[in-house]
C-alpha cells in the first residue's frame, strides 16, 4: 500500500497594505489589471459599493464584489487611469480614480481606512460620463 500524503490547504498570500498608497495601488491593480491576490485582505468587512448610471443606482457588498473580481482574474481593462488624492490623514484617505475608455469614462471615489495595522478599502462610489 502506498502512503497518502496529507492534502494541505493553499497558503494565503499576504499583500503589503501598510500604507494608504500601497492599498490604493493594489485596489487599482485589482479593478483594472485583473489582480486577484489579497482580495479578502484589501476590502473592509463593512465595505460597500454604489454604482450610479443615469437614474439607476446599484449597491454591492463585500462578498458580491470579491466574487465578481475573482471571476475577472487576469482581465485587463483597456483604459487610462488617473488618480487624485482628495483628502488624506493618519487613518483615512479619499481618492478619485478616473478610468478613461475610448467612448466613456468612469469615476470611482474610493475611501480607504486604517484599522488593525493595515489599510483597507471601505467604500467605493462609481459614476459614468
N, C-alpha and C. Protein backbone atom coordinates (compact mmCIF):
# COMPACT_ATOMS: atom_id res chain seq x y z
N UNK A 1 0.83 -1.18 0.00
CA UNK A 1 0.00 0.00 0.00
C UNK A 1 0.88 1.24 0.00
N UNK A 2 0.47 2.19 -0.77
CA UNK A 2 1.21 3.45 -0.84
C UNK A 2 0.67 4.40 0.22
N UNK A 3 1.57 5.08 0.85
CA UNK A 3 1.16 6.06 1.85
C UNK A 3 0.65 7.31 1.15
N UNK A 4 -0.48 7.79 1.62
CA UNK A 4 -1.03 9.00 1.04
C UNK A 4 -0.48 10.21 1.78
N UNK A 5 -0.14 11.21 1.00
CA UNK A 5 0.33 12.46 1.59
C UNK A 5 -0.88 13.28 2.02
N UNK A 6 -0.80 13.92 3.17
CA UNK A 6 -1.92 14.77 3.58
C UNK A 6 -2.06 15.94 2.60
N UNK A 7 -3.28 16.27 2.31
CA UNK A 7 -3.56 17.39 1.41
C UNK A 7 -3.51 18.66 2.24
N UNK A 8 -2.67 19.57 1.81
CA UNK A 8 -2.55 20.83 2.55
C UNK A 8 -3.36 21.92 1.86
N UNK A 9 -3.83 22.84 2.66
CA UNK A 9 -4.56 23.98 2.11
C UNK A 9 -3.56 24.93 1.49
N UNK A 10 -3.95 25.57 0.40
CA UNK A 10 -3.03 26.54 -0.18
C UNK A 10 -2.79 27.68 0.79
N UNK A 11 -1.56 28.16 0.83
CA UNK A 11 -1.21 29.24 1.73
C UNK A 11 -1.83 30.55 1.22
N UNK A 12 -2.32 31.34 2.16
CA UNK A 12 -2.82 32.66 1.78
C UNK A 12 -1.63 33.57 1.56
N UNK A 13 -1.69 34.30 0.48
CA UNK A 13 -0.63 35.25 0.19
C UNK A 13 -1.03 36.58 0.79
N UNK A 14 -0.17 37.11 1.63
CA UNK A 14 -0.43 38.38 2.29
C UNK A 14 0.16 39.50 1.43
N UNK A 15 -0.62 40.56 1.25
CA UNK A 15 -0.12 41.70 0.50
C UNK A 15 0.21 42.83 1.46
N UNK A 16 1.09 43.69 1.03
CA UNK A 16 1.54 44.79 1.88
C UNK A 16 0.54 45.94 1.80
N UNK A 17 -0.23 46.13 2.84
CA UNK A 17 -1.18 47.23 2.93
C UNK A 17 -0.81 48.16 4.08
N UNK A 18 0.49 48.31 4.30
CA UNK A 18 0.97 49.10 5.44
C UNK A 18 0.83 50.60 5.22
N UNK A 19 0.66 51.02 3.98
CA UNK A 19 0.44 52.45 3.70
C UNK A 19 -0.80 52.61 2.83
N UNK A 20 -1.39 53.79 2.88
CA UNK A 20 -2.56 54.08 2.06
C UNK A 20 -2.20 54.00 0.58
N UNK A 21 -1.01 54.43 0.23
CA UNK A 21 -0.59 54.40 -1.18
C UNK A 21 -0.47 52.97 -1.69
N UNK A 22 0.08 52.05 -0.87
CA UNK A 22 0.15 50.64 -1.28
C UNK A 22 -1.24 50.07 -1.48
N UNK A 23 -2.15 50.36 -0.56
CA UNK A 23 -3.52 49.85 -0.65
C UNK A 23 -4.22 50.41 -1.88
N UNK A 24 -4.03 51.69 -2.15
CA UNK A 24 -4.66 52.31 -3.32
C UNK A 24 -4.12 51.71 -4.61
N UNK A 25 -2.82 51.53 -4.69
CA UNK A 25 -2.22 50.93 -5.89
C UNK A 25 -2.71 49.51 -6.10
N UNK A 26 -2.86 48.77 -5.00
CA UNK A 26 -3.37 47.40 -5.13
C UNK A 26 -4.83 47.41 -5.58
N UNK A 27 -5.62 48.33 -5.06
CA UNK A 27 -7.02 48.47 -5.48
C UNK A 27 -7.10 48.75 -6.99
N UNK A 28 -6.26 49.63 -7.48
CA UNK A 28 -6.24 49.94 -8.91
C UNK A 28 -5.85 48.70 -9.71
N UNK A 29 -4.87 47.95 -9.23
CA UNK A 29 -4.46 46.71 -9.92
C UNK A 29 -5.59 45.68 -9.92
N UNK A 30 -6.32 45.60 -8.84
CA UNK A 30 -7.44 44.66 -8.74
C UNK A 30 -8.56 45.05 -9.70
N UNK A 31 -8.88 46.33 -9.76
CA UNK A 31 -10.03 46.78 -10.55
C UNK A 31 -9.72 46.99 -12.03
N UNK A 32 -8.45 47.19 -12.39
CA UNK A 32 -8.14 47.47 -13.80
C UNK A 32 -7.23 46.45 -14.46
N UNK A 33 -6.45 45.71 -13.68
CA UNK A 33 -5.46 44.81 -14.26
C UNK A 33 -5.70 43.34 -13.91
N UNK A 34 -6.86 43.01 -13.38
CA UNK A 34 -7.21 41.62 -13.14
C UNK A 34 -6.46 40.94 -12.01
N UNK A 35 -5.85 41.70 -11.12
CA UNK A 35 -5.15 41.12 -9.96
C UNK A 35 -6.19 40.54 -9.01
N UNK A 36 -5.91 39.35 -8.48
CA UNK A 36 -6.89 38.75 -7.57
C UNK A 36 -6.29 38.32 -6.24
N UNK A 37 -5.03 38.57 -6.03
CA UNK A 37 -4.37 38.20 -4.78
C UNK A 37 -4.78 39.20 -3.69
N UNK A 38 -5.11 38.69 -2.53
CA UNK A 38 -5.36 39.53 -1.38
C UNK A 38 -6.68 40.28 -1.37
N UNK A 39 -7.68 39.80 -2.10
CA UNK A 39 -8.96 40.49 -2.14
C UNK A 39 -9.61 40.58 -0.76
N UNK A 40 -9.59 39.50 -0.02
CA UNK A 40 -10.20 39.49 1.31
C UNK A 40 -9.49 40.45 2.24
N UNK A 41 -8.20 40.60 2.06
CA UNK A 41 -7.39 41.48 2.88
C UNK A 41 -7.62 42.95 2.50
N UNK A 42 -7.88 43.22 1.23
CA UNK A 42 -8.00 44.58 0.73
C UNK A 42 -9.30 45.26 1.12
N UNK A 43 -10.40 44.51 1.14
CA UNK A 43 -11.70 45.11 1.38
C UNK A 43 -12.14 44.93 2.83
N UNK A 44 -12.55 46.03 3.45
CA UNK A 44 -13.01 46.02 4.84
C UNK A 44 -14.27 45.17 4.98
N UNK A 45 -14.50 44.65 6.16
CA UNK A 45 -15.67 43.81 6.42
C UNK A 45 -16.97 44.55 6.12
N UNK A 46 -17.01 45.85 6.35
CA UNK A 46 -18.23 46.62 6.11
C UNK A 46 -18.20 47.35 4.76
N UNK A 47 -17.38 46.87 3.83
CA UNK A 47 -17.25 47.50 2.51
C UNK A 47 -18.61 47.60 1.81
N UNK A 48 -18.80 48.72 1.12
CA UNK A 48 -19.99 48.88 0.28
C UNK A 48 -19.60 49.61 -1.00
N UNK A 49 -20.31 49.28 -2.06
CA UNK A 49 -20.06 49.93 -3.34
C UNK A 49 -21.39 50.37 -3.93
N UNK A 50 -21.40 51.58 -4.46
CA UNK A 50 -22.59 52.10 -5.12
C UNK A 50 -22.20 52.49 -6.53
N UNK A 51 -23.01 52.07 -7.49
CA UNK A 51 -22.77 52.41 -8.89
C UNK A 51 -23.95 53.23 -9.38
N UNK A 52 -23.65 54.43 -9.88
CA UNK A 52 -24.68 55.32 -10.39
C UNK A 52 -24.51 55.44 -11.90
N UNK A 53 -25.56 55.10 -12.63
CA UNK A 53 -25.57 55.26 -14.08
C UNK A 53 -26.94 55.80 -14.47
N UNK A 54 -26.98 56.99 -15.01
CA UNK A 54 -28.24 57.69 -15.32
C UNK A 54 -29.08 57.77 -14.06
N UNK A 55 -30.29 57.23 -14.09
CA UNK A 55 -31.18 57.27 -12.92
C UNK A 55 -31.16 55.98 -12.13
N UNK A 56 -30.26 55.07 -12.47
CA UNK A 56 -30.21 53.76 -11.82
C UNK A 56 -29.06 53.73 -10.82
N UNK A 57 -29.36 53.24 -9.62
CA UNK A 57 -28.31 53.04 -8.62
C UNK A 57 -28.28 51.57 -8.25
N UNK A 58 -27.06 51.02 -8.19
CA UNK A 58 -26.88 49.63 -7.83
C UNK A 58 -25.93 49.57 -6.65
N UNK A 59 -26.22 48.70 -5.68
CA UNK A 59 -25.40 48.56 -4.49
C UNK A 59 -24.82 47.16 -4.42
N UNK A 60 -23.56 47.07 -4.00
CA UNK A 60 -22.90 45.79 -3.81
C UNK A 60 -22.24 45.77 -2.45
N UNK A 61 -22.20 44.60 -1.85
CA UNK A 61 -21.49 44.40 -0.61
C UNK A 61 -20.14 43.75 -0.88
N UNK A 62 -19.43 43.51 0.16
CA UNK A 62 -18.07 42.96 0.09
C UNK A 62 -18.01 41.62 -0.63
N UNK A 63 -18.83 40.65 -0.21
CA UNK A 63 -18.76 39.31 -0.78
C UNK A 63 -19.11 39.29 -2.26
N UNK A 64 -20.13 40.06 -2.66
CA UNK A 64 -20.52 40.10 -4.07
C UNK A 64 -19.40 40.68 -4.93
N UNK A 65 -18.74 41.73 -4.45
CA UNK A 65 -17.65 42.33 -5.21
C UNK A 65 -16.46 41.38 -5.30
N UNK A 66 -16.09 40.75 -4.20
CA UNK A 66 -14.95 39.83 -4.21
C UNK A 66 -15.22 38.68 -5.18
N UNK A 67 -16.43 38.14 -5.16
CA UNK A 67 -16.79 37.06 -6.08
C UNK A 67 -16.65 37.52 -7.53
N UNK A 68 -17.13 38.71 -7.83
CA UNK A 68 -17.05 39.26 -9.17
C UNK A 68 -15.60 39.48 -9.60
N UNK A 69 -14.78 40.04 -8.71
CA UNK A 69 -13.38 40.31 -9.04
C UNK A 69 -12.58 39.02 -9.25
N UNK A 70 -12.92 37.97 -8.52
CA UNK A 70 -12.25 36.68 -8.72
C UNK A 70 -12.54 36.12 -10.11
N UNK A 71 -13.76 36.34 -10.60
CA UNK A 71 -14.12 35.89 -11.94
C UNK A 71 -13.38 36.68 -13.02
N UNK A 72 -12.97 37.90 -12.70
CA UNK A 72 -12.29 38.76 -13.66
C UNK A 72 -10.77 38.64 -13.59
N UNK A 73 -10.28 37.65 -12.88
CA UNK A 73 -8.84 37.46 -12.71
C UNK A 73 -8.15 37.45 -14.07
N UNK A 74 -7.13 38.26 -14.21
CA UNK A 74 -6.34 38.29 -15.43
C UNK A 74 -6.88 39.21 -16.52
N UNK A 75 -8.08 39.72 -16.37
CA UNK A 75 -8.66 40.62 -17.37
C UNK A 75 -8.14 42.03 -17.16
N UNK A 76 -7.58 42.58 -18.22
CA UNK A 76 -7.00 43.92 -18.15
C UNK A 76 -7.91 44.88 -18.92
N UNK A 77 -8.32 45.96 -18.25
CA UNK A 77 -9.18 46.94 -18.89
C UNK A 77 -8.37 47.82 -19.83
N UNK A 78 -8.94 48.13 -20.98
CA UNK A 78 -8.29 48.99 -21.97
C UNK A 78 -8.66 50.44 -21.68
N UNK A 79 -7.98 51.03 -20.70
CA UNK A 79 -8.29 52.39 -20.29
C UNK A 79 -7.04 53.06 -19.74
N UNK A 80 -7.12 54.37 -19.66
CA UNK A 80 -6.08 55.15 -19.00
C UNK A 80 -6.58 55.50 -17.61
N UNK A 81 -5.71 55.41 -16.63
CA UNK A 81 -6.09 55.63 -15.25
C UNK A 81 -5.44 56.89 -14.70
N UNK A 82 -6.25 57.74 -14.09
CA UNK A 82 -5.76 58.95 -13.44
C UNK A 82 -6.21 58.92 -11.98
N UNK A 83 -5.26 59.13 -11.08
CA UNK A 83 -5.55 59.07 -9.65
C UNK A 83 -5.26 60.43 -9.01
N UNK A 84 -6.20 60.89 -8.21
CA UNK A 84 -6.01 62.13 -7.46
C UNK A 84 -6.39 61.88 -6.01
N UNK A 85 -5.52 62.22 -5.08
CA UNK A 85 -5.82 62.11 -3.66
C UNK A 85 -6.64 63.35 -3.28
N UNK A 86 -7.87 63.13 -2.84
CA UNK A 86 -8.76 64.22 -2.49
C UNK A 86 -8.48 64.69 -1.07
N UNK A 87 -8.31 63.72 -0.16
CA UNK A 87 -8.03 64.05 1.24
C UNK A 87 -7.28 62.88 1.86
N UNK A 88 -6.37 63.21 2.77
CA UNK A 88 -5.58 62.15 3.42
C UNK A 88 -5.25 62.57 4.84
N UNK A 89 -5.40 61.62 5.77
CA UNK A 89 -5.00 61.85 7.15
C UNK A 89 -4.29 60.59 7.64
N UNK A 90 -4.05 60.52 8.94
CA UNK A 90 -3.34 59.37 9.50
C UNK A 90 -4.14 58.07 9.42
N UNK A 91 -5.49 58.17 9.38
CA UNK A 91 -6.27 56.93 9.41
C UNK A 91 -7.35 56.81 8.33
N UNK A 92 -7.37 57.74 7.36
CA UNK A 92 -8.25 57.56 6.22
C UNK A 92 -7.74 58.34 5.02
N UNK A 93 -8.19 57.93 3.84
CA UNK A 93 -7.82 58.60 2.61
C UNK A 93 -9.00 58.50 1.65
N UNK A 94 -9.24 59.57 0.92
CA UNK A 94 -10.25 59.57 -0.14
C UNK A 94 -9.51 59.85 -1.44
N UNK A 95 -9.74 58.98 -2.41
CA UNK A 95 -9.08 59.13 -3.71
C UNK A 95 -10.11 59.13 -4.82
N UNK A 96 -9.83 59.90 -5.85
CA UNK A 96 -10.67 59.94 -7.04
C UNK A 96 -9.89 59.26 -8.15
N UNK A 97 -10.46 58.17 -8.67
CA UNK A 97 -9.82 57.42 -9.73
C UNK A 97 -10.70 57.56 -10.98
N UNK A 98 -10.12 58.06 -12.06
CA UNK A 98 -10.85 58.21 -13.30
C UNK A 98 -10.28 57.22 -14.31
N UNK A 99 -11.16 56.38 -14.84
CA UNK A 99 -10.79 55.43 -15.89
C UNK A 99 -11.34 55.96 -17.20
N UNK A 100 -10.45 56.29 -18.13
CA UNK A 100 -10.87 56.85 -19.42
C UNK A 100 -10.80 55.76 -20.49
N UNK A 101 -11.96 55.42 -21.01
CA UNK A 101 -12.07 54.47 -22.11
C UNK A 101 -12.25 55.27 -23.40
N UNK A 102 -12.34 54.58 -24.55
CA UNK A 102 -12.49 55.28 -25.83
C UNK A 102 -13.75 56.13 -25.90
N UNK A 103 -14.88 55.61 -25.43
CA UNK A 103 -16.14 56.32 -25.63
C UNK A 103 -16.81 56.80 -24.34
N UNK A 104 -16.22 56.55 -23.20
CA UNK A 104 -16.80 57.00 -21.93
C UNK A 104 -15.72 57.01 -20.86
N UNK A 105 -16.07 57.54 -19.71
CA UNK A 105 -15.15 57.48 -18.57
C UNK A 105 -15.94 57.10 -17.33
N UNK A 106 -15.25 56.49 -16.39
CA UNK A 106 -15.84 56.10 -15.12
C UNK A 106 -15.04 56.75 -14.01
N UNK A 107 -15.72 57.36 -13.06
CA UNK A 107 -15.08 57.95 -11.90
C UNK A 107 -15.39 57.07 -10.69
N UNK A 108 -14.37 56.73 -9.95
CA UNK A 108 -14.51 55.90 -8.75
C UNK A 108 -13.98 56.71 -7.57
N UNK A 109 -14.87 57.08 -6.68
CA UNK A 109 -14.48 57.79 -5.47
C UNK A 109 -14.31 56.73 -4.38
N UNK A 110 -13.08 56.54 -3.91
CA UNK A 110 -12.73 55.44 -3.02
C UNK A 110 -12.32 55.97 -1.65
N UNK A 111 -12.85 55.35 -0.60
CA UNK A 111 -12.46 55.68 0.77
C UNK A 111 -11.66 54.52 1.34
N UNK A 112 -10.48 54.81 1.84
CA UNK A 112 -9.64 53.82 2.50
C UNK A 112 -9.51 54.20 3.96
N UNK A 113 -9.48 53.20 4.83
CA UNK A 113 -9.34 53.43 6.26
C UNK A 113 -8.20 52.58 6.82
N UNK A 114 -7.58 53.10 7.87
CA UNK A 114 -6.51 52.38 8.56
C UNK A 114 -7.07 51.79 9.84
N UNK A 115 -7.13 50.47 9.89
CA UNK A 115 -7.64 49.77 11.08
C UNK A 115 -6.83 48.51 11.31
N UNK A 116 -6.58 48.21 12.56
CA UNK A 116 -5.89 46.98 12.95
C UNK A 116 -4.57 46.78 12.21
N UNK A 117 -3.84 47.85 12.00
CA UNK A 117 -2.49 47.75 11.44
C UNK A 117 -2.39 47.67 9.94
N UNK A 118 -3.49 47.85 9.20
CA UNK A 118 -3.39 47.85 7.74
C UNK A 118 -4.47 48.74 7.13
N UNK A 119 -4.25 49.11 5.90
CA UNK A 119 -5.19 49.93 5.14
C UNK A 119 -6.14 49.04 4.37
N UNK A 120 -7.42 49.43 4.34
CA UNK A 120 -8.42 48.68 3.60
C UNK A 120 -9.37 49.65 2.90
N UNK A 121 -9.96 49.16 1.82
CA UNK A 121 -10.97 49.93 1.10
C UNK A 121 -12.30 49.71 1.81
N UNK A 122 -12.94 50.80 2.21
CA UNK A 122 -14.20 50.67 2.94
C UNK A 122 -15.41 51.09 2.11
N UNK A 123 -15.18 51.90 1.08
CA UNK A 123 -16.32 52.38 0.30
C UNK A 123 -15.86 52.75 -1.11
N UNK A 124 -16.76 52.55 -2.06
CA UNK A 124 -16.48 52.91 -3.45
C UNK A 124 -17.77 53.40 -4.07
N UNK A 125 -17.69 54.53 -4.77
CA UNK A 125 -18.85 55.07 -5.48
C UNK A 125 -18.43 55.31 -6.92
N UNK A 126 -19.11 54.63 -7.85
CA UNK A 126 -18.82 54.78 -9.28
C UNK A 126 -19.84 55.67 -9.94
N UNK A 127 -19.39 56.47 -10.89
CA UNK A 127 -20.32 57.19 -11.75
C UNK A 127 -19.73 57.18 -13.16
N UNK A 128 -20.60 57.30 -14.14
CA UNK A 128 -20.19 57.22 -15.54
C UNK A 128 -20.50 58.51 -16.27
N UNK A 129 -19.63 58.89 -17.19
CA UNK A 129 -19.84 60.05 -18.05
C UNK A 129 -19.67 59.62 -19.50
